[in-house]
Amino acid sequence: KMFSNWKSKKPTVTFAASKTLVDALPHPRPAAKFMPKWLQAMEKNGDKSVHADKPTIKSCLPVIEAVSNGYIIPLWADLIIKIDETNSLYAEFSGNITKELGHEMLTCQLQEEIGQNNGLTNMSVHGIPLKFSSPWDIITPPGYSVLIKSPPYVDHNIHILEGVVDTDTYTIAINFPFVWTGRERGEWLIPRGTPIAQVIPFKRIETRLEIAVADKTRRETNKHLLNSIRVDKYRKLFWHKRKGE
């Protein structure tokens, strides 16, 4: 049944969890449903008394599409993060979800796995990344993979380290390495349901690289087109409507 709709026009991405957890976990949803609250509250245009059509970041389609692309996996349980006086980091989940899964939900990367000289150790006061063990299997149609990354423009300090997984063949739960980017000492509660990982499906295709001299005529034509419209220039002239949810 899970694979019956792969021949339909719209490829399906399936998130599957164990029978005991699937209805107890906050479900992954389209990323557009998790737009940051500060962005939701923002007006598309700025101070109307100064410039009636001055656009804000909410009018920037590249930003909105980055936020709404793919799916979001919400945090499956409350997470406690503690940084002590020695900059040591402690993290633990609330509840018995670890027992339900049968393995640890939160582990450390080994120093041997990341080496000594890299940018990861500078991103966190703790130095060594941690790993979430996701309760969700991600399953995509043949030929499709997923990019897993941090949701953009979020206001918490959990930064997922990006990775690509061929989820048409690797159909078991995926680890999400992450660093805590906060620099202060203290204790924080990251609530259940917080957007933690953005999952962006894509079709694997081969491409080739080409370096060329820019087409001056095309550039000038595009500039004239842009100057001919007052607002929503990119949307009206160049953007392609996405087909999907």
C-alpha atoms as a PDB file:
ATOM      1  CA  LYS A   1       0.000   0.000   0.000  1.00  0.00           C
ATOM      2  CA  MET A   2       2.849   2.371   0.868  1.00  0.00           C
ATOM      3  CA  PHE A   3       4.285   2.112  -2.646  1.00  0.00           C
ATOM      4  CA  SER A   4       1.029   2.015  -4.633  1.00  0.00           C
ATOM      5  CA  ASN A   5       0.922   5.749  -5.338  1.00  0.00           C
ATOM      6  CA  TRP A   6       4.474   6.065  -6.679  1.00  0.00           C
ATOM      7  CA  LYS A   7       3.139   5.765 -10.219  1.00  0.00           C
ATOM      8  CA  SER A   8       0.893   8.797  -9.724  1.00  0.00           C
ATOM      9  CA  LYS A   9       1.821  12.179 -11.145  1.00  0.00           C
ATOM     10  CA  LYS A  10       2.787  13.567  -7.744  1.00  0.00           C
ATOM     11  CA  PRO A  11       5.649  11.680  -6.041  1.00  0.00           C
ATOM     12  CA  THR A  12       4.915  10.865  -2.401  1.00  0.00           C
ATOM     13  CA  VAL A  13       7.266  11.251   0.554  1.00  0.00           C
ATOM     14  CA  THR A  14       6.352   8.931   3.432  1.00  0.00           C
ATOM     15  CA  PHE A  15       7.298   9.446   7.082  1.00  0.00           C
ATOM     16  CA  ALA A  16       6.817   6.209   9.040  1.00  0.00           C
ATOM     17  CA  ALA A  17       7.179   5.516  12.765  1.00  0.00           C
ATOM     18  CA  SER A  18       6.618   2.501  14.985  1.00  0.00           C
ATOM     19  CA  LYS A  19       3.035   1.481  15.739  1.00  0.00           C
ATOM     20  CA  THR A  20       3.305   2.545  19.388  1.00  0.00           C
ATOM     21  CA  LEU A  21       4.635   6.009  18.522  1.00  0.00           C
ATOM     22  CA  VAL A  22       3.107   7.049  15.195  1.00  0.00           C
ATOM     23  CA  ASP A  23       0.020   8.623  16.773  1.00  0.00           C
ATOM     24  CA  ALA A  24       1.858   9.945  19.829  1.00  0.00           C
ATOM     25  CA  LEU A  25       4.473  11.959  17.939  1.00  0.00           C
ATOM     26  CA  PRO A  26       3.924  15.406  16.400  1.00  0.00           C
ATOM     27  CA  HIS A  27       3.735  14.594  12.706  1.00  0.00           C
ATOM     28  CA  PRO A  28       5.987  15.984   9.976  1.00  0.00           C
ATOM     29  CA  ARG A  29       4.134  18.506   7.865  1.00  0.00           C
ATOM     30  CA  PRO A  30       4.805  20.711   4.833  1.00  0.00           C
ATOM     31  CA  ALA A  31       7.408  23.306   5.758  1.00  0.00           C
ATOM     32  CA  ALA A  32       5.021  26.146   4.874  1.00  0.00           C
ATOM     33  CA  LYS A  33       3.013  25.190   7.986  1.00  0.00           C
ATOM     34  CA  PHE A  34       6.027  26.013  10.179  1.00  0.00           C
ATOM     35  CA  MET A  35       6.815  29.525   9.006  1.00  0.00           C
ATOM     36  CA  PRO A  36       8.613  31.356  11.851  1.00  0.00           C
ATOM     37  CA  LYS A  37       6.193  33.418  13.940  1.00  0.00           C
ATOM     38  CA  TRP A  38       8.223  36.610  13.514  1.00  0.00           C
ATOM     39  CA  LEU A  39       7.976  36.190   9.731  1.00  0.00           C
ATOM     40  CA  GLN A  40       4.252  35.433   9.891  1.00  0.00           C
ATOM     41  CA  ALA A  41       3.668  38.621  11.868  1.00  0.00           C
ATOM     42  CA  MET A  42       5.646  40.814   9.481  1.00  0.00           C
ATOM     43  CA  GLU A  43       3.870  43.004   6.934  1.00  0.00           C
ATOM     44  CA  LYS A  44       4.768  42.519   3.273  1.00  0.00           C
ATOM     45  CA  ASN A  45       5.428  46.242   2.976  1.00  0.00           C
ATOM     46  CA  GLY A  46       7.250  48.499   5.409  1.00  0.00           C
ATOM     47  CA  ASP A  47       6.312  51.845   6.915  1.00  0.00           C
ATOM     48  CA  LYS A  48       3.544  53.126   4.654  1.00  0.00           C
ATOM     49  CA  SER A  49       4.059  56.699   5.852  1.00  0.00           C
ATOM     50  CA  VAL A  50       7.580  56.662   4.379  1.00  0.00           C
ATOM     51  CA  HIS A  51       7.262  54.499   1.286  1.00  0.00           C
ATOM     52  CA  ALA A  52       3.938  52.883   0.499  1.00  0.00           C
ATOM     53  CA  ASP A  53       5.370  49.961  -1.480  1.00  0.00           C
ATOM     54  CA  LYS A  54       8.758  49.401   0.176  1.00  0.00           C
ATOM     55  CA  PRO A  55       8.876  45.574   0.415  1.00  0.00           C
ATOM     56  CA  THR A  56      10.042  43.660   3.485  1.00  0.00           C
ATOM     57  CA  ILE A  57      11.702  40.257   3.615  1.00  0.00           C
ATOM     58  CA  LYS A  58       8.207  38.716   3.679  1.00  0.00           C
ATOM     59  CA  SER A  59       7.804  39.858   0.066  1.00  0.00           C
ATOM     60  CA  CYS A  60      11.039  38.139  -0.952  1.00  0.00           C
ATOM     61  CA  LEU A  61      10.036  34.947  -2.754  1.00  0.00           C
ATOM     62  CA  PRO A  62      13.488  33.322  -2.490  1.00  0.00           C
ATOM     63  CA  VAL A  63      13.246  33.675   1.306  1.00  0.00           C
ATOM     64  CA  ILE A  64       9.647  32.426   1.481  1.00  0.00           C
ATOM     65  CA  GLU A  65      10.458  29.441  -0.714  1.00  0.00           C
ATOM     66  CA  ALA A  66      13.510  28.586   1.384  1.00  0.00           C
ATOM     67  CA  VAL A  67      11.257  28.563   4.451  1.00  0.00           C
ATOM     68  CA  SER A  68       8.428  26.594   2.823  1.00  0.00           C
ATOM     69  CA  ASN A  69      10.430  24.078   0.768  1.00  0.00           C
ATOM     70  CA  GLY A  70       9.918  20.398   1.620  1.00  0.00           C
ATOM     71  CA  TYR A  71       8.805  19.155   5.026  1.00  0.00           C
ATOM     72  CA  ILE A  72       9.569  19.824   8.670  1.00  0.00           C
ATOM     73  CA  ILE A  73      10.175  17.176  11.334  1.00  0.00           C
ATOM     74  CA  PRO A  74       9.099  18.657  14.680  1.00  0.00           C
ATOM     75  CA  LEU A  75      10.932  17.824  17.885  1.00  0.00           C
ATOM     76  CA  TRP A  76       9.318  14.663  19.258  1.00  0.00           C
ATOM     77  CA  ALA A  77       9.677  15.434  22.987  1.00  0.00           C
ATOM     78  CA  ASP A  78      10.722  18.299  25.258  1.00  0.00           C
ATOM     79  CA  LEU A  79      14.508  18.680  25.211  1.00  0.00           C
ATOM     80  CA  ILE A  80      16.548  20.094  28.080  1.00  0.00           C
ATOM     81  CA  ILE A  81      19.911  21.707  27.215  1.00  0.00           C
ATOM     82  CA  LYS A  82      22.355  22.724  29.966  1.00  0.00           C
ATOM     83  CA  ILE A  83      25.713  24.507  29.655  1.00  0.00           C
ATOM     84  CA  ASP A  84      27.711  24.552  32.896  1.00  0.00           C
ATOM     85  CA  GLU A  85      30.603  26.745  34.131  1.00  0.00           C
ATOM     86  CA  THR A  86      33.155  24.589  32.270  1.00  0.00           C
ATOM     87  CA  ASN A  87      31.192  24.953  28.994  1.00  0.00           C
ATOM     88  CA  SER A  88      30.228  21.274  29.159  1.00  0.00           C
ATOM     89  CA  LEU A  89      26.897  20.538  27.491  1.00  0.00           C
ATOM     90  CA  TYR A  90      24.248  18.198  28.869  1.00  0.00           C
ATOM     91  CA  ALA A  91      21.127  17.272  26.907  1.00  0.00           C
ATOM     92  CA  GLU A  92      18.228  14.957  27.667  1.00  0.00           C
ATOM     93  CA  PHE A  93      14.732  14.238  26.409  1.00  0.00           C
ATOM     94  CA  SER A  94      11.657  14.185  28.610  1.00  0.00           C
ATOM     95  CA  GLY A  95       9.439  11.107  28.794  1.00  0.00           C
ATOM     96  CA  ASN A  96      10.060   7.480  27.852  1.00  0.00           C
ATOM     97  CA  ILE A  97      10.396   7.814  24.082  1.00  0.00           C
ATOM     98  CA  THR A  98      13.898   6.322  24.264  1.00  0.00           C
ATOM     99  CA  LYS A  99      12.465   3.197  25.880  1.00  0.00           C
ATOM    100  CA  GLU A 100       9.794   2.951  23.186  1.00  0.00           C
ATOM    101  CA  LEU A 101      12.394   3.140  20.413  1.00  0.00           C
ATOM    102  CA  GLY A 102      14.703   0.646  22.058  1.00  0.00           C
ATOM    103  CA  HIS A 103      17.820   2.787  21.612  1.00  0.00           C
ATOM    104  CA  GLU A 104      19.261   6.113  22.708  1.00  0.00           C
ATOM    105  CA  MET A 105      17.715   9.190  21.113  1.00  0.00           C
ATOM    106  CA  LEU A 106      20.678  11.443  21.836  1.00  0.00           C
ATOM    107  CA  THR A 107      24.360  10.565  21.512  1.00  0.00           C
ATOM    108  CA  CYS A 108      27.712  12.312  20.963  1.00  0.00           C
ATOM    109  CA  GLN A 109      29.781  12.288  17.806  1.00  0.00           C
ATOM    110  CA  LEU A 110      33.196  10.837  18.555  1.00  0.00           C
ATOM    111  CA  GLN A 111      36.163  13.173  18.223  1.00  0.00           C
ATOM    112  CA  GLU A 112      37.670  10.629  15.821  1.00  0.00           C
ATOM    113  CA  GLU A 113      34.668  11.053  13.532  1.00  0.00           C
ATOM    114  CA  ILE A 114      35.143  14.774  13.000  1.00  0.00           C
ATOM    115  CA  GLY A 115      38.876  15.250  13.555  1.00  0.00           C
ATOM    116  CA  GLN A 116      40.580  18.125  15.309  1.00  0.00           C
ATOM    117  CA  ASN A 117      40.764  20.950  12.765  1.00  0.00           C
ATOM    118  CA  ASN A 118      37.372  21.861  11.331  1.00  0.00           C
ATOM    119  CA  GLY A 119      34.716  24.533  11.547  1.00  0.00           C
ATOM    120  CA  LEU A 120      32.312  22.368  13.531  1.00  0.00           C
ATOM    121  CA  THR A 121      34.210  22.767  16.782  1.00  0.00           C
ATOM    122  CA  ASN A 122      33.984  26.564  16.446  1.00  0.00           C
ATOM    123  CA  MET A 123      30.189  26.547  16.062  1.00  0.00           C
ATOM    124  CA  SER A 124      29.532  25.373  19.619  1.00  0.00           C
ATOM    125  CA  VAL A 125      30.984  26.042  23.051  1.00  0.00           C
ATOM    126  CA  HIS A 126      30.724  22.291  23.562  1.00  0.00           C
ATOM    127  CA  GLY A 127      32.990  21.600  20.587  1.00  0.00           C
ATOM    128  CA  ILE A 128      31.819  18.115  19.635  1.00  0.00           C
ATOM    129  CA  PRO A 129      28.492  17.715  17.765  1.00  0.00           C
ATOM    130  CA  LEU A 130      25.666  15.632  19.207  1.00  0.00           C
ATOM    131  CA  LYS A 131      23.319  13.345  17.288  1.00  0.00           C
ATOM    132  CA  PHE A 132      19.551  12.989  17.328  1.00  0.00           C
ATOM    133  CA  SER A 133      18.196   9.580  16.411  1.00  0.00           C
ATOM    134  CA  SER A 134      14.990  10.404  14.565  1.00  0.00           C
ATOM    135  CA  PRO A 135      11.911   8.279  15.294  1.00  0.00           C
ATOM    136  CA  TRP A 136      10.860   8.677  11.642  1.00  0.00           C
ATOM    137  CA  ASP A 137      11.818   6.573   8.630  1.00  0.00           C
ATOM    138  CA  ILE A 138      11.774   8.682   5.448  1.00  0.00           C
ATOM    139  CA  ILE A 139      10.766   6.879   2.255  1.00  0.00           C
ATOM    140  CA  THR A 140      10.883   8.435  -1.217  1.00  0.00           C
ATOM    141  CA  PRO A 141      10.073   7.102  -4.696  1.00  0.00           C
ATOM    142  CA  PRO A 142      12.814   5.443  -6.776  1.00  0.00           C
ATOM    143  CA  GLY A 143      15.344   8.006  -7.976  1.00  0.00           C
ATOM    144  CA  TYR A 144      14.595  10.500  -5.194  1.00  0.00           C
ATOM    145  CA  SER A 145      16.835  11.529  -2.293  1.00  0.00           C
ATOM    146  CA  VAL A 146      16.415  14.078   0.492  1.00  0.00           C
ATOM    147  CA  LEU A 147      18.520  16.944   1.768  1.00  0.00           C
ATOM    148  CA  ILE A 148      18.261  17.196   5.559  1.00  0.00           C
ATOM    149  CA  LYS A 149      19.150  20.558   7.093  1.00  0.00           C
ATOM    150  CA  SER A 150      18.202  23.076   9.745  1.00  0.00           C
ATOM    151  CA  PRO A 151      15.020  25.028   9.046  1.00  0.00           C
ATOM    152  CA  PRO A 152      16.045  28.560   8.019  1.00  0.00           C
ATOM    153  CA  TYR A 153      15.326  31.662  10.123  1.00  0.00           C
ATOM    154  CA  VAL A 154      14.404  29.762  13.296  1.00  0.00           C
ATOM    155  CA  ASP A 155      15.015  31.350  16.706  1.00  0.00           C
ATOM    156  CA  HIS A 156      16.555  28.424  18.598  1.00  0.00           C
ATOM    157  CA  ASN A 157      20.199  27.376  18.858  1.00  0.00           C
ATOM    158  CA  ILE A 158      19.986  23.827  17.493  1.00  0.00           C
ATOM    159  CA  HIS A 159      21.804  23.698  14.159  1.00  0.00           C
ATOM    160  CA  ILE A 160      21.423  20.470  12.172  1.00  0.00           C
ATOM    161  CA  LEU A 161      24.487  19.560  10.113  1.00  0.00           C
ATOM    162  CA  GLU A 162      23.373  19.101   6.513  1.00  0.00           C
ATOM    163  CA  GLY A 163      23.391  15.732   4.790  1.00  0.00           C
ATOM    164  CA  VAL A 164      21.926  13.988   1.744  1.00  0.00           C
ATOM    165  CA  VAL A 165      20.406  10.503   2.068  1.00  0.00           C
ATOM    166  CA  ASP A 166      19.153   8.205  -0.709  1.00  0.00           C
ATOM    167  CA  THR A 167      15.850   7.492   0.991  1.00  0.00           C
ATOM    168  CA  ASP A 168      14.536   5.367  -1.862  1.00  0.00           C
ATOM    169  CA  THR A 169      16.880   2.587  -0.694  1.00  0.00           C
ATOM    170  CA  TYR A 170      17.879   3.640   2.844  1.00  0.00           C
ATOM    171  CA  THR A 171      14.522   3.359   4.534  1.00  0.00           C
ATOM    172  CA  ILE A 172      15.396   3.277   8.235  1.00  0.00           C
ATOM    173  CA  ALA A 173      15.630   6.079  10.798  1.00  0.00           C
ATOM    174  CA  ILE A 174      18.342   8.669  10.105  1.00  0.00           C
ATOM    175  CA  ASN A 175      20.671  10.293  12.608  1.00  0.00           C
ATOM    176  CA  PHE A 176      20.677  14.103  12.665  1.00  0.00           C
ATOM    177  CA  PRO A 177      24.061  15.424  13.857  1.00  0.00           C
ATOM    178  CA  PHE A 178      23.748  18.907  15.355  1.00  0.00           C
ATOM    179  CA  VAL A 179      25.594  21.561  17.295  1.00  0.00           C
ATOM    180  CA  TRP A 180      24.292  23.922  19.958  1.00  0.00           C
ATOM    181  CA  THR A 181      25.226  27.406  18.753  1.00  0.00           C
ATOM    182  CA  GLY A 182      24.346  29.268  21.942  1.00  0.00           C
ATOM    183  CA  ARG A 183      27.318  30.890  23.680  1.00  0.00           C
ATOM    184  CA  GLU A 184      25.793  31.518  27.105  1.00  0.00           C
ATOM    185  CA  ARG A 185      25.807  29.292  30.174  1.00  0.00           C
ATOM    186  CA  GLY A 186      22.468  28.210  31.596  1.00  0.00           C
ATOM    187  CA  GLU A 187      19.537  25.893  30.992  1.00  0.00           C
ATOM    188  CA  TRP A 188      17.038  25.891  28.132  1.00  0.00           C
ATOM    189  CA  LEU A 189      13.865  23.985  27.332  1.00  0.00           C
ATOM    190  CA  ILE A 190      13.263  23.292  23.638  1.00  0.00           C
ATOM    191  CA  PRO A 191       9.548  22.361  23.521  1.00  0.00           C
ATOM    192  CA  ARG A 192       8.062  19.345  21.805  1.00  0.00           C
ATOM    193  CA  GLY A 193       6.829  20.394  18.363  1.00  0.00           C
ATOM    194  CA  THR A 194       9.679  22.859  17.700  1.00  0.00           C
ATOM    195  CA  PRO A 195      10.749  22.655  14.025  1.00  0.00           C
ATOM    196  CA  ILE A 196      14.069  20.807  14.141  1.00  0.00           C
ATOM    197  CA  ALA A 197      14.865  19.360  10.706  1.00  0.00           C
ATOM    198  CA  GLN A 198      13.876  20.433   7.195  1.00  0.00           C
ATOM    199  CA  VAL A 199      13.598  17.556   4.707  1.00  0.00           C
ATOM    200  CA  ILE A 200      13.828  18.584   1.049  1.00  0.00           C
ATOM    201  CA  PRO A 201      13.196  15.832  -1.517  1.00  0.00           C
ATOM    202  CA  PHE A 202      14.864  16.046  -4.927  1.00  0.00           C
ATOM    203  CA  LYS A 203      15.220  13.871  -7.983  1.00  0.00           C
ATOM    204  CA  ARG A 204      18.730  12.619  -8.651  1.00  0.00           C
ATOM    205  CA  ILE A 205      19.855  13.778 -12.089  1.00  0.00           C
ATOM    206  CA  GLU A 206      23.255  14.306 -13.639  1.00  0.00           C
ATOM    207  CA  THR A 207      24.263  17.816 -14.641  1.00  0.00           C
ATOM    208  CA  ARG A 208      27.356  19.345 -16.196  1.00  0.00           C
ATOM    209  CA  LEU A 209      29.233  22.526 -15.427  1.00  0.00           C
ATOM    210  CA  GLU A 210      29.764  25.266 -17.997  1.00  0.00           C
ATOM    211  CA  ILE A 211      31.538  28.628 -17.631  1.00  0.00           C
ATOM    212  CA  ALA A 212      30.491  31.279 -20.143  1.00  0.00           C
ATOM    213  CA  VAL A 213      30.499  34.994 -20.873  1.00  0.00           C
ATOM    214  CA  ALA A 214      27.288  36.595 -19.668  1.00  0.00           C
ATOM    215  CA  ASP A 215      24.697  37.426 -22.307  1.00  0.00           C
ATOM    216  CA  LYS A 216      24.654  41.242 -22.152  1.00  0.00           C
ATOM    217  CA  THR A 217      21.510  41.573 -24.244  1.00  0.00           C
ATOM    218  CA  ARG A 218      19.628  39.193 -21.995  1.00  0.00           C
ATOM    219  CA  ARG A 219      20.776  41.088 -18.901  1.00  0.00           C
ATOM    220  CA  GLU A 220      19.655  44.423 -20.311  1.00  0.00           C
ATOM    221  CA  THR A 221      16.307  42.986 -21.386  1.00  0.00           C
ATOM    222  CA  ASN A 222      15.707  41.653 -17.883  1.00  0.00           C
ATOM    223  CA  LYS A 223      16.631  45.025 -16.371  1.00  0.00           C
ATOM    224  CA  HIS A 224      14.107  46.774 -18.619  1.00  0.00           C
ATOM    225  CA  LEU A 225      11.468  44.219 -17.658  1.00  0.00           C
ATOM    226  CA  LEU A 226      12.153  44.781 -13.963  1.00  0.00           C
ATOM    227  CA  ASN A 227      11.903  48.546 -14.359  1.00  0.00           C
ATOM    228  CA  SER A 228       8.527  48.209 -16.057  1.00  0.00           C
ATOM    229  CA  ILE A 229       6.802  46.849 -12.933  1.00  0.00           C
ATOM    230  CA  ARG A 230       6.506  48.573  -9.558  1.00  0.00           C
ATOM    231  CA  VAL A 231       5.960  45.696  -7.094  1.00  0.00           C
ATOM    232  CA  ASP A 232       6.309  41.885  -7.051  1.00  0.00           C
ATOM    233  CA  LYS A 233       8.680  42.057 -10.009  1.00  0.00           C
ATOM    234  CA  TYR A 234      10.328  38.690  -9.571  1.00  0.00           C
ATOM    235  CA  ARG A 235       7.034  36.901  -8.882  1.00  0.00           C
ATOM    236  CA  LYS A 236       5.283  38.371 -11.930  1.00  0.00           C
ATOM    237  CA  LEU A 237       8.124  38.081 -14.432  1.00  0.00           C
ATOM    238  CA  PHE A 238      10.429  35.200 -13.549  1.00  0.00           C
ATOM    239  CA  TRP A 239       8.986  32.953 -10.851  1.00  0.00           C
ATOM    240  CA  HIS A 240       7.490  29.553 -11.697  1.00  0.00           C
ATOM    241  CA  LYS A 241       4.540  28.431  -9.611  1.00  0.00           C
ATOM    242  CA  ARG A 242       5.367  25.251  -7.736  1.00  0.00           C
ATOM    243  CA  LYS A 243       3.212  22.212  -8.237  1.00  0.00           C
ATOM    244  CA  GLY A 244       2.648  20.489  -4.923  1.00  0.00           C
ATOM    245  CA  GLU A 245       1.058  20.818  -1.534  1.00  0.00           C
END
